[in-house]
Amino acid sequence: MFLLRLIIPDRPGSLGTVATALGEVNADIHAIEIVEHRRENGTAVDDIVVDLPPGVLPDRLVSACNGVPGVEVIWFSRYGAGGGLHMDLEAVEQMTSAPADAIDILVEQSPAVLHADWAALLDGTGSEVKVALETSATPEFGDVAEAWLPLNKATTLAAPDQHKGLAESVLVAAPLESGRRILVIGRRGGPEFLGSEVARLSYLASLAVTIRATS
């Protein structure tokens, strides 16, 4: 499957026009998510997860979208699993069904929720920052994590240019329970985390802490 992040005109029919263009190259649309409305210029940012039949070149997806007036492809990559806002609801359902494990569940579900590659819970409450929990493909952090703590609110993080595992990643983080326990999420190569995605992470992180407190 493939993930397309598009800027499209924020008006009725725009998504339908894009869907029609993708259908003309035999793309099978699995999910569409409106990531952000940009009211200042009348556009929206949408994520579309699609699949292609054998023999169809992925470049045709980009060409199809770029052929729609007012549409711009700002990110295109292979994508291993579906995600989107419905994943937010699924994560919340799992957390409420097992309150004591709410934070662990959020860490595990975060990559799918935010179309990311990995997530890690960093614990800096002791003498050094440790990785308390991580998903597969999480890189080594080394000493770089020290600079991220304490963290008072959800925000994007600057990836160090010379760090082998993080140099080409975009990062977002949110505090959990205290500013020295944080959830860090990464995408290799992009796209950048938008303000709406940071807000979603902040909400889910706060909810996870609240749900855990009820256990």
Protein backbone atom coordinates (compact mmCIF):
# COMPACT_ATOMS: atom_id res chain seq x y z
CA MET A 1 0.00 0.00 0.00
CA PHE A 2 0.97 3.65 -0.40
CA LEU A 3 0.37 6.82 1.58
CA LEU A 4 -0.34 10.05 -0.28
CA ARG A 5 -0.47 13.36 1.58
CA LEU A 6 -2.20 15.98 -0.54
CA ILE A 7 -3.05 19.65 -0.42
CA ILE A 8 -6.45 20.03 -2.05
CA PRO A 9 -9.00 22.85 -2.41
CA ASP A 10 -11.22 22.83 0.68
CA ARG A 11 -14.54 22.76 -1.11
CA PRO A 12 -17.24 20.19 -1.87
CA GLY A 13 -16.33 17.70 -4.57
CA SER A 14 -12.55 18.04 -4.32
CA LEU A 15 -12.02 14.65 -2.68
CA GLY A 16 -14.39 13.04 -5.15
CA THR A 17 -12.38 14.43 -8.05
CA VAL A 18 -9.17 13.04 -6.56
CA ALA A 19 -10.82 9.66 -5.95
CA THR A 20 -11.97 9.57 -9.57
CA ALA A 21 -8.45 10.36 -10.80
CA LEU A 22 -7.00 7.56 -8.65
CA GLY A 23 -9.67 5.17 -9.89
CA GLU A 24 -8.57 5.87 -13.46
CA VAL A 25 -5.15 4.35 -12.66
CA ASN A 26 -6.85 1.38 -10.95
CA ALA A 27 -5.92 2.48 -7.42
CA ASP A 28 -7.95 0.91 -4.61
CA ILE A 29 -8.58 3.48 -1.87
CA HIS A 30 -8.40 1.97 1.64
CA ALA A 31 -8.68 5.11 3.79
CA ILE A 32 -9.08 8.87 3.49
CA GLU A 33 -8.39 11.20 6.39
CA ILE A 34 -8.71 14.98 6.53
CA VAL A 35 -5.59 15.89 8.50
CA GLU A 36 -5.94 19.66 8.61
CA HIS A 37 -8.10 22.51 7.32
CA ARG A 38 -6.15 25.61 6.26
CA ARG A 39 -8.86 28.23 6.24
CA GLU A 40 -6.44 31.07 5.58
CA ASN A 41 -5.93 29.90 1.98
CA GLY A 42 -8.97 27.68 1.44
CA THR A 43 -7.13 24.36 1.29
CA ALA A 44 -7.05 21.13 3.27
CA VAL A 45 -4.38 18.52 3.90
CA ASP A 46 -5.60 14.96 3.31
CA ASP A 47 -3.98 11.56 3.75
CA ILE A 48 -5.06 8.83 1.34
CA VAL A 49 -3.99 5.20 1.74
CA VAL A 50 -4.24 3.27 -1.53
CA ASP A 51 -3.23 -0.03 -3.07
CA LEU A 52 -2.29 -0.79 -6.67
CA PRO A 53 -2.76 -3.94 -8.73
CA PRO A 54 0.35 -5.79 -9.96
CA GLY A 55 2.07 -4.15 -12.90
CA VAL A 56 0.92 -0.60 -12.19
CA LEU A 57 3.80 1.77 -11.41
CA PRO A 58 3.46 3.77 -8.17
CA ASP A 59 4.46 6.96 -9.99
CA ARG A 60 1.07 6.89 -11.67
CA LEU A 61 -0.54 7.74 -8.31
CA VAL A 62 1.40 10.99 -8.13
CA SER A 63 0.72 11.82 -11.77
CA ALA A 64 -3.00 11.18 -11.32
CA CYS A 65 -3.23 13.51 -8.32
CA ASN A 66 -1.09 16.23 -9.84
CA GLY A 67 -3.36 16.17 -12.86
CA VAL A 68 -6.28 17.43 -10.76
CA PRO A 69 -6.47 21.25 -10.75
CA GLY A 70 -5.48 22.75 -7.40
CA VAL A 71 -4.09 19.48 -5.98
CA GLU A 72 -0.50 19.14 -4.83
CA VAL A 73 1.24 15.95 -3.63
CA ILE A 74 3.44 16.88 -0.67
CA TRP A 75 4.33 13.33 0.43
CA PHE A 76 4.33 9.89 -1.14
CA SER A 77 5.67 6.63 0.29
CA ARG A 78 4.96 2.97 0.84
CA TYR A 79 2.79 2.36 3.86
CA GLY A 80 2.43 -0.89 5.75
CA ALA A 81 -0.91 -0.52 7.50
CA GLY A 82 -4.06 1.54 7.56
CA GLY A 83 -4.42 4.33 10.10
CA GLY A 84 -6.43 7.44 10.62
CA LEU A 85 -8.87 8.94 13.08
CA HIS A 86 -10.67 5.62 13.48
CA MET A 87 -7.40 4.38 15.00
CA ASP A 88 -7.71 7.10 17.67
CA LEU A 89 -11.05 5.61 18.68
CA GLU A 90 -9.66 2.08 18.63
CA ALA A 91 -6.75 3.14 20.86
CA VAL A 92 -9.13 4.80 23.33
CA GLU A 93 -11.31 1.68 23.40
CA GLN A 94 -8.31 -0.50 24.17
CA MET A 95 -7.11 1.88 26.89
CA THR A 96 -10.49 1.99 28.62
CA SER A 97 -10.77 -1.81 28.53
CA ALA A 98 -7.40 -2.15 30.32
CA PRO A 99 -6.88 1.06 32.35
CA ALA A 100 -3.73 -0.14 34.12
CA ASP A 101 -2.04 -0.62 30.74
CA ALA A 102 -3.35 2.59 29.15
CA ILE A 103 0.05 4.21 28.65
CA ASP A 104 1.63 1.03 27.28
CA ILE A 105 -1.29 0.67 24.85
CA LEU A 106 -0.87 4.24 23.65
CA VAL A 107 2.83 3.67 22.98
CA GLU A 108 2.08 0.53 21.00
CA GLN A 109 -0.75 2.10 19.00
CA SER A 110 0.88 5.47 18.30
CA PRO A 111 2.63 4.53 15.03
CA ALA A 112 -0.65 3.38 13.47
CA VAL A 113 -2.60 6.32 14.88
CA LEU A 114 -0.22 8.94 13.45
CA HIS A 115 1.03 7.19 10.30
CA ALA A 116 4.49 6.91 11.87
CA ASP A 117 7.26 4.32 11.92
CA TRP A 118 8.01 3.91 15.62
CA ALA A 119 7.24 5.10 19.14
CA ALA A 120 9.14 5.02 22.43
CA LEU A 121 8.40 5.86 26.06
CA LEU A 122 11.40 7.66 27.57
CA ASP A 123 11.82 7.79 31.35
CA GLY A 124 14.08 10.47 32.74
CA THR A 125 12.89 10.35 36.34
CA GLY A 126 16.13 8.68 37.44
CA SER A 127 19.77 9.65 37.05
CA GLU A 128 19.69 8.96 33.31
CA VAL A 129 17.11 8.78 30.52
CA LYS A 130 16.01 5.21 29.80
CA VAL A 131 13.75 3.65 27.19
CA ALA A 132 10.89 2.20 29.23
CA LEU A 133 8.97 0.82 26.23
CA GLU A 134 9.47 0.90 22.48
CA THR A 135 7.91 -0.44 19.30
CA SER A 136 9.83 -2.24 16.60
CA ALA A 137 12.17 -0.16 14.42
CA THR A 138 12.84 2.39 17.20
CA PRO A 139 16.39 3.73 16.79
CA GLU A 140 18.97 4.11 19.52
CA PHE A 141 18.75 7.54 21.18
CA GLY A 142 22.07 7.75 22.96
CA ASP A 143 22.61 11.04 24.78
CA VAL A 144 20.31 13.07 22.53
CA ALA A 145 17.22 12.32 24.64
CA GLU A 146 18.61 14.36 27.54
CA ALA A 147 18.01 17.56 25.56
CA TRP A 148 14.29 16.77 25.19
CA LEU A 149 13.60 16.70 28.93
CA PRO A 150 11.74 18.09 30.72
CA LEU A 151 8.83 18.43 28.28
CA ASN A 152 5.80 20.42 29.37
CA LYS A 153 3.49 20.01 26.37
CA ALA A 154 3.14 18.09 23.12
CA THR A 155 5.40 19.48 20.43
CA THR A 156 7.58 18.58 17.49
CA LEU A 157 11.25 17.89 18.22
CA ALA A 158 14.37 18.75 16.26
CA ALA A 159 16.23 15.62 15.08
CA PRO A 160 20.02 15.91 15.38
CA ASP A 161 21.69 16.10 11.96
CA GLN A 162 24.59 13.80 12.84
CA HIS A 163 22.63 11.10 14.70
CA LYS A 164 22.71 7.86 12.70
CA GLY A 165 19.22 6.68 13.59
CA LEU A 166 17.40 10.01 13.77
CA ALA A 167 19.03 12.31 11.20
CA GLU A 168 16.39 11.76 8.51
CA SER A 169 13.39 11.50 10.84
CA VAL A 170 10.72 13.97 11.88
CA LEU A 171 9.74 13.72 15.54
CA VAL A 172 6.86 14.61 17.83
CA ALA A 173 6.57 14.09 21.58
CA ALA A 174 4.13 14.46 24.46
CA PRO A 175 4.61 14.28 28.24
CA LEU A 176 3.10 11.36 30.16
CA GLU A 177 2.50 11.70 33.91
CA SER A 178 5.40 14.13 34.25
CA GLY A 179 7.66 16.22 32.06
CA ARG A 180 10.37 13.61 32.51
CA ARG A 181 8.34 10.71 31.12
CA ILE A 182 7.60 11.38 27.47
CA LEU A 183 6.27 9.59 24.42
CA VAL A 184 8.40 10.18 21.31
CA ILE A 185 7.11 9.23 17.84
CA GLY A 186 9.12 9.27 14.62
CA ARG A 187 8.62 9.20 10.87
CA ARG A 188 11.58 8.44 8.67
CA GLY A 189 11.98 11.14 6.05
CA GLY A 190 8.64 12.85 6.70
CA PRO A 191 6.14 14.26 6.24
CA GLU A 192 6.36 16.85 9.00
CA PHE A 193 3.88 16.48 11.85
CA LEU A 194 1.15 19.08 11.43
CA GLY A 195 -0.37 21.11 14.25
CA SER A 196 -3.54 19.04 14.14
CA GLU A 197 -1.51 15.84 14.63
CA VAL A 198 0.34 17.35 17.58
CA ALA A 199 -3.04 18.27 19.09
CA ARG A 200 -4.34 14.72 18.60
CA LEU A 201 -1.28 13.29 20.33
CA SER A 202 -1.64 15.75 23.21
CA TYR A 203 -5.28 14.73 23.69
CA LEU A 204 -4.52 11.00 23.58
CA ALA A 205 -1.58 11.36 25.97
CA SER A 206 -3.70 13.26 28.49
CA LEU A 207 -6.48 10.72 28.12
CA ALA A 208 -4.08 7.81 28.68
CA VAL A 209 -2.84 9.37 31.93
CA THR A 210 -6.41 10.00 33.12
CA ILE A 211 -7.56 6.47 32.26
CA ARG A 212 -4.55 4.93 34.03
CA ALA A 213 -5.32 6.95 37.15
CA THR A 214 -8.72 5.22 37.38
CA SER A 215 -7.20 1.73 37.57
